[in-house]
């Protein structure tokens, strides 16, 4: 993921999906793209509502939140950054959306109206295929999130989430509160504090006043015990050839 992130940054398109498009498909899409800024807690999609825009982040972090039918329970199903896009229900022609999509870390990117994207996908099957590849990778990520939630210890789940966030956020640190991590992982704040202390005692991270710096990525991956890496390898398999 790190090498691919650097490659996408060097590409003027800024987002892995946009960077992977053929010149013909990008020239078809580009006139409909607008530059946008993401603010923390912006709601990009809401369950049972029509999707208005599809977003291609350059920077920032977006969470896809599963919501129970009575709206009393929420849980993060996956995250999207520079490698992905929102609007899965539009690509799959299965509106309305059945998840909430929020900005968790502010950033920027490009956006396209849902109606325009549907029109363009009807014009180019290869364009839609590129979007479907991302949805496939995201489904693998979501499946592994369910596996981690069911079988992983809290420190393993936290290590996985930190690695995934680090894959998508530029710089050498993450500005995250314990409350934020507790919500993302669906646990109590006290549990996150203990898990962070455990990872820090192992020399894997440095945690100071809401700023978490990853010191030993390979050690964090070992801590995950196989819960991190499946979706990341598939992303590299599908998109890395563009940089070969």
Protein backbone atom coordinates (compact mmCIF):
# COMPACT_ATOMS: atom_id res chain seq x y z
CA UNK A 1 0.00 0.00 0.00
CA UNK A 2 2.80 2.47 0.82
CA UNK A 3 4.48 2.18 -2.59
CA UNK A 4 1.13 2.50 -4.34
CA UNK A 5 0.24 5.53 -2.24
CA UNK A 6 3.43 7.25 -3.32
CA UNK A 7 2.74 6.38 -6.96
CA UNK A 8 -0.76 7.84 -6.75
CA UNK A 9 0.61 10.99 -5.13
CA UNK A 10 3.05 11.42 -8.03
CA UNK A 11 0.22 11.04 -10.51
CA UNK A 12 -1.60 14.31 -11.13
CA UNK A 13 -4.95 12.55 -10.75
CA UNK A 14 -4.28 12.06 -7.03
CA UNK A 15 -6.63 9.09 -6.43
CA UNK A 16 -5.76 5.47 -7.20
CA UNK A 17 -8.97 4.71 -9.08
CA UNK A 18 -8.70 7.87 -11.17
CA UNK A 19 -5.01 7.12 -11.75
CA UNK A 20 -5.82 3.61 -12.96
CA UNK A 21 -8.27 4.74 -15.65
CA UNK A 22 -7.28 4.61 -19.28
CA UNK A 23 -6.74 7.98 -20.92
CA UNK A 24 -10.01 7.59 -22.85
CA UNK A 25 -12.03 6.84 -19.71
CA UNK A 26 -10.40 9.63 -17.72
CA UNK A 27 -11.06 12.15 -20.49
CA UNK A 28 -14.69 10.98 -20.51
CA UNK A 29 -15.04 11.47 -16.75
CA UNK A 30 -12.86 14.52 -16.10
CA UNK A 31 -15.25 17.24 -17.40
CA UNK A 32 -17.82 16.12 -14.81
CA UNK A 33 -15.42 16.16 -11.84
CA UNK A 34 -15.37 19.02 -9.38
CA UNK A 35 -12.76 19.74 -6.72
CA UNK A 36 -14.10 19.39 -3.18
CA UNK A 37 -12.92 19.80 0.41
CA UNK A 38 -13.91 17.33 3.13
CA UNK A 39 -14.62 18.55 6.66
CA UNK A 40 -14.63 16.25 9.68
CA UNK A 41 -18.09 14.72 10.25
CA UNK A 42 -19.42 15.73 6.83
CA UNK A 43 -22.17 13.26 5.89
CA UNK A 44 -21.58 12.08 2.31
CA UNK A 45 -24.26 9.40 2.25
CA UNK A 46 -27.17 8.59 4.53
CA UNK A 47 -28.98 5.29 4.87
CA UNK A 48 -32.22 5.04 2.89
CA UNK A 49 -31.47 8.32 1.12
CA UNK A 50 -30.62 8.89 -2.52
CA UNK A 51 -26.90 9.39 -3.16
CA UNK A 52 -26.26 12.84 -4.62
CA UNK A 53 -22.51 12.74 -5.29
CA UNK A 54 -19.71 10.20 -5.56
CA UNK A 55 -16.37 11.19 -4.04
CA UNK A 56 -12.80 10.28 -4.99
CA UNK A 57 -10.59 11.32 -2.04
CA UNK A 58 -7.05 12.60 -2.52
CA UNK A 59 -6.46 13.10 1.21
CA UNK A 60 -8.50 12.39 4.31
CA UNK A 61 -10.32 9.38 5.68
CA UNK A 62 -13.93 8.35 5.12
CA UNK A 63 -15.83 5.78 7.19
CA UNK A 64 -18.64 3.55 5.96
CA UNK A 65 -20.97 2.89 8.89
CA UNK A 66 -23.43 0.00 9.07
CA UNK A 67 -26.68 0.96 10.81
CA UNK A 68 -29.29 -1.33 12.34
CA UNK A 69 -32.87 -1.19 11.08
CA UNK A 70 -34.05 0.66 14.18
CA UNK A 71 -30.98 2.97 13.97
CA UNK A 72 -30.01 2.18 17.56
CA UNK A 73 -26.76 0.42 16.66
CA UNK A 74 -23.84 1.53 14.46
CA UNK A 75 -20.53 -0.06 13.54
CA UNK A 76 -17.78 0.85 11.12
CA UNK A 77 -17.73 -1.58 8.18
CA UNK A 78 -14.71 -0.12 6.42
CA UNK A 79 -12.70 2.95 5.50
CA UNK A 80 -11.95 4.74 2.24
CA UNK A 81 -9.06 7.03 1.39
CA UNK A 82 -6.88 7.92 -1.58
CA UNK A 83 -7.32 4.39 -2.98
CA UNK A 84 -11.09 4.41 -3.30
CA UNK A 85 -14.43 6.02 -3.88
CA UNK A 86 -17.86 6.33 -2.31
CA UNK A 87 -21.14 5.59 -4.10
CA UNK A 88 -21.14 1.80 -4.21
CA UNK A 89 -24.95 1.72 -4.46
CA UNK A 90 -24.80 3.96 -7.56
CA UNK A 91 -22.18 1.80 -9.27
CA UNK A 92 -24.20 -1.33 -8.43
CA UNK A 93 -27.48 0.33 -9.48
CA UNK A 94 -29.03 -0.57 -6.13
CA UNK A 95 -30.06 2.73 -4.56
CA UNK A 96 -30.87 3.96 -1.99
CA UNK A 97 -27.75 3.66 0.13
CA UNK A 98 -28.01 1.34 3.12
CA UNK A 99 -25.03 2.70 5.04
CA UNK A 100 -23.98 6.05 6.44
CA UNK A 101 -20.78 7.53 5.01
CA UNK A 102 -18.95 10.15 7.06
CA UNK A 103 -15.69 12.05 6.82
CA UNK A 104 -13.56 11.14 9.83
CA UNK A 105 -10.31 12.92 8.92
CA UNK A 106 -10.64 16.06 6.74
CA UNK A 107 -9.07 16.25 3.30
CA UNK A 108 -9.86 16.93 -0.32
CA UNK A 109 -10.56 15.22 -3.62
CA UNK A 110 -12.91 15.19 -6.57
CA UNK A 111 -16.66 14.56 -6.84
CA UNK A 112 -19.16 13.78 -9.57
CA UNK A 113 -22.95 13.93 -9.57
CA UNK A 114 -24.56 10.51 -9.25
CA UNK A 115 -26.68 11.02 -12.38
CA UNK A 116 -23.64 11.99 -14.42
CA UNK A 117 -21.69 8.96 -13.22
CA UNK A 118 -24.55 6.62 -14.12
CA UNK A 119 -24.67 8.15 -17.60
CA UNK A 120 -20.91 7.76 -18.07
CA UNK A 121 -20.92 4.14 -16.91
CA UNK A 122 -23.59 3.41 -19.51
CA UNK A 123 -21.27 4.90 -22.12
CA UNK A 124 -18.15 2.99 -21.03
CA UNK A 125 -18.13 -0.53 -19.60
CA UNK A 126 -14.41 -0.24 -18.81
CA UNK A 127 -15.10 2.79 -16.65
CA UNK A 128 -17.69 0.87 -14.65
CA UNK A 129 -15.33 -2.12 -14.43
CA UNK A 130 -12.70 0.09 -12.75
CA UNK A 131 -15.25 1.15 -10.12
CA UNK A 132 -16.39 -2.44 -9.60
CA UNK A 133 -12.82 -3.49 -8.83
CA UNK A 134 -12.75 -1.04 -5.94
CA UNK A 135 -16.09 -2.28 -4.63
CA UNK A 136 -14.72 -5.85 -4.74
CA UNK A 137 -11.68 -4.82 -2.68
CA UNK A 138 -13.88 -2.91 -0.23
CA UNK A 139 -16.08 -5.98 0.27
CA UNK A 140 -12.97 -7.97 1.16
CA UNK A 141 -11.99 -5.25 3.63
CA UNK A 142 -15.48 -5.32 5.17
CA UNK A 143 -15.38 -9.12 5.44
CA UNK A 144 -12.05 -8.95 7.24
CA UNK A 145 -13.41 -6.23 9.54
CA UNK A 146 -16.18 -8.66 10.52
CA UNK A 147 -13.56 -11.38 11.08
CA UNK A 148 -11.41 -9.07 13.20
CA UNK A 149 -14.41 -7.96 15.27
CA UNK A 150 -15.46 -11.57 15.88
CA UNK A 151 -12.09 -13.21 16.50
CA UNK A 152 -9.45 -10.56 17.15
CA UNK A 153 -8.28 -9.26 20.49
CA UNK A 154 -8.76 -5.54 20.98
CA UNK A 155 -5.04 -4.79 20.58
CA UNK A 156 -5.06 -6.74 17.29
CA UNK A 157 -8.11 -4.88 16.02
CA UNK A 158 -6.56 -1.57 17.03
CA UNK A 159 -3.26 -2.44 15.33
CA UNK A 160 -5.14 -3.33 12.14
CA UNK A 161 -7.12 -0.09 12.17
CA UNK A 162 -3.98 2.00 12.74
CA UNK A 163 -2.24 0.28 9.83
CA UNK A 164 -5.22 0.87 7.56
CA UNK A 165 -5.44 4.53 8.59
CA UNK A 166 -1.68 4.98 8.11
CA UNK A 167 -2.03 3.53 4.61
CA UNK A 168 -4.44 6.32 3.75
CA UNK A 169 -3.27 9.38 5.72
CA UNK A 170 -0.12 11.27 4.66
CA UNK A 171 2.64 12.06 7.12
CA UNK A 172 4.18 10.06 9.93
CA UNK A 173 1.41 10.32 12.50
CA UNK A 174 -2.33 10.12 13.14
CA UNK A 175 -4.27 12.72 15.13
CA UNK A 176 -6.86 10.52 16.85
CA UNK A 177 -8.54 10.74 20.24
CA UNK A 178 -9.31 7.73 22.40
CA UNK A 179 -13.02 8.54 22.05
CA UNK A 180 -12.74 8.48 18.27
CA UNK A 181 -10.96 5.11 18.26
CA UNK A 182 -13.49 3.69 20.72
CA UNK A 183 -16.34 4.60 18.37
CA UNK A 184 -14.52 3.19 15.32
CA UNK A 185 -13.83 -0.10 17.10
CA UNK A 186 -17.17 -0.28 18.89
CA UNK A 187 -15.64 -0.58 22.37
CA UNK A 188 -15.32 1.45 25.57
CA UNK A 189 -12.76 4.24 25.78
CA UNK A 190 -11.01 2.53 28.69
CA UNK A 191 -10.38 -0.52 26.52
CA UNK A 192 -8.76 1.61 23.81
CA UNK A 193 -6.51 3.26 26.40
CA UNK A 194 -5.29 -0.13 27.64
CA UNK A 195 -4.76 -1.41 24.07
CA UNK A 196 -2.78 1.70 23.11
CA UNK A 197 -0.63 1.30 26.21
CA UNK A 198 0.01 -2.33 25.27
CA UNK A 199 1.10 -1.45 21.72
CA UNK A 200 3.31 1.35 23.05
CA UNK A 201 4.94 -0.94 25.61
CA UNK A 202 5.86 -3.28 22.76
CA UNK A 203 7.63 -0.43 20.96
CA UNK A 204 5.13 -0.46 18.08
CA UNK A 205 3.67 3.04 18.43
CA UNK A 206 4.26 6.32 20.21
CA UNK A 207 1.09 7.80 21.71
CA UNK A 208 1.04 11.37 23.00
CA UNK A 209 -1.94 13.70 23.49
CA UNK A 210 -4.07 12.44 20.63
CA UNK A 211 -1.13 11.96 18.27
CA UNK A 212 -0.21 8.38 17.40
CA UNK A 213 2.97 7.68 15.48
CA UNK A 214 3.63 4.22 14.06
CA UNK A 215 7.18 3.21 14.93
CA UNK A 216 7.25 -0.42 13.80
CA UNK A 217 4.82 -1.28 10.99
CA UNK A 218 6.12 -4.83 10.57
CA UNK A 219 5.65 -5.41 14.29
CA UNK A 220 2.08 -4.09 14.09
CA UNK A 221 1.38 -6.44 11.20
CA UNK A 222 2.69 -9.35 13.26
CA UNK A 223 0.48 -8.23 16.13
CA UNK A 224 -2.55 -8.46 13.81
CA UNK A 225 -1.92 -12.20 13.37
CA UNK A 226 -3.19 -12.28 9.78
CA UNK A 227 -6.13 -9.89 10.29
CA UNK A 228 -4.40 -7.22 8.18
CA UNK A 229 -3.17 -7.65 4.62
CA UNK A 230 -5.76 -9.62 2.65
CA UNK A 231 -7.59 -6.63 1.15
CA UNK A 232 -4.31 -4.75 0.80
CA UNK A 233 -2.72 -7.52 -1.26
CA UNK A 234 -5.79 -7.72 -3.47
CA UNK A 235 -5.70 -3.97 -4.02
CA UNK A 236 -2.06 -4.24 -5.10
CA UNK A 237 -2.84 -7.18 -7.39
CA UNK A 238 -5.65 -5.33 -9.17
CA UNK A 239 -4.15 -1.84 -9.39
CA UNK A 240 -0.35 -2.10 -9.08
CA UNK A 241 0.15 -3.22 -12.73
CA UNK A 242 -0.68 0.35 -13.74
CA UNK A 243 2.63 1.34 -12.17
CA UNK A 244 4.71 -1.55 -13.52
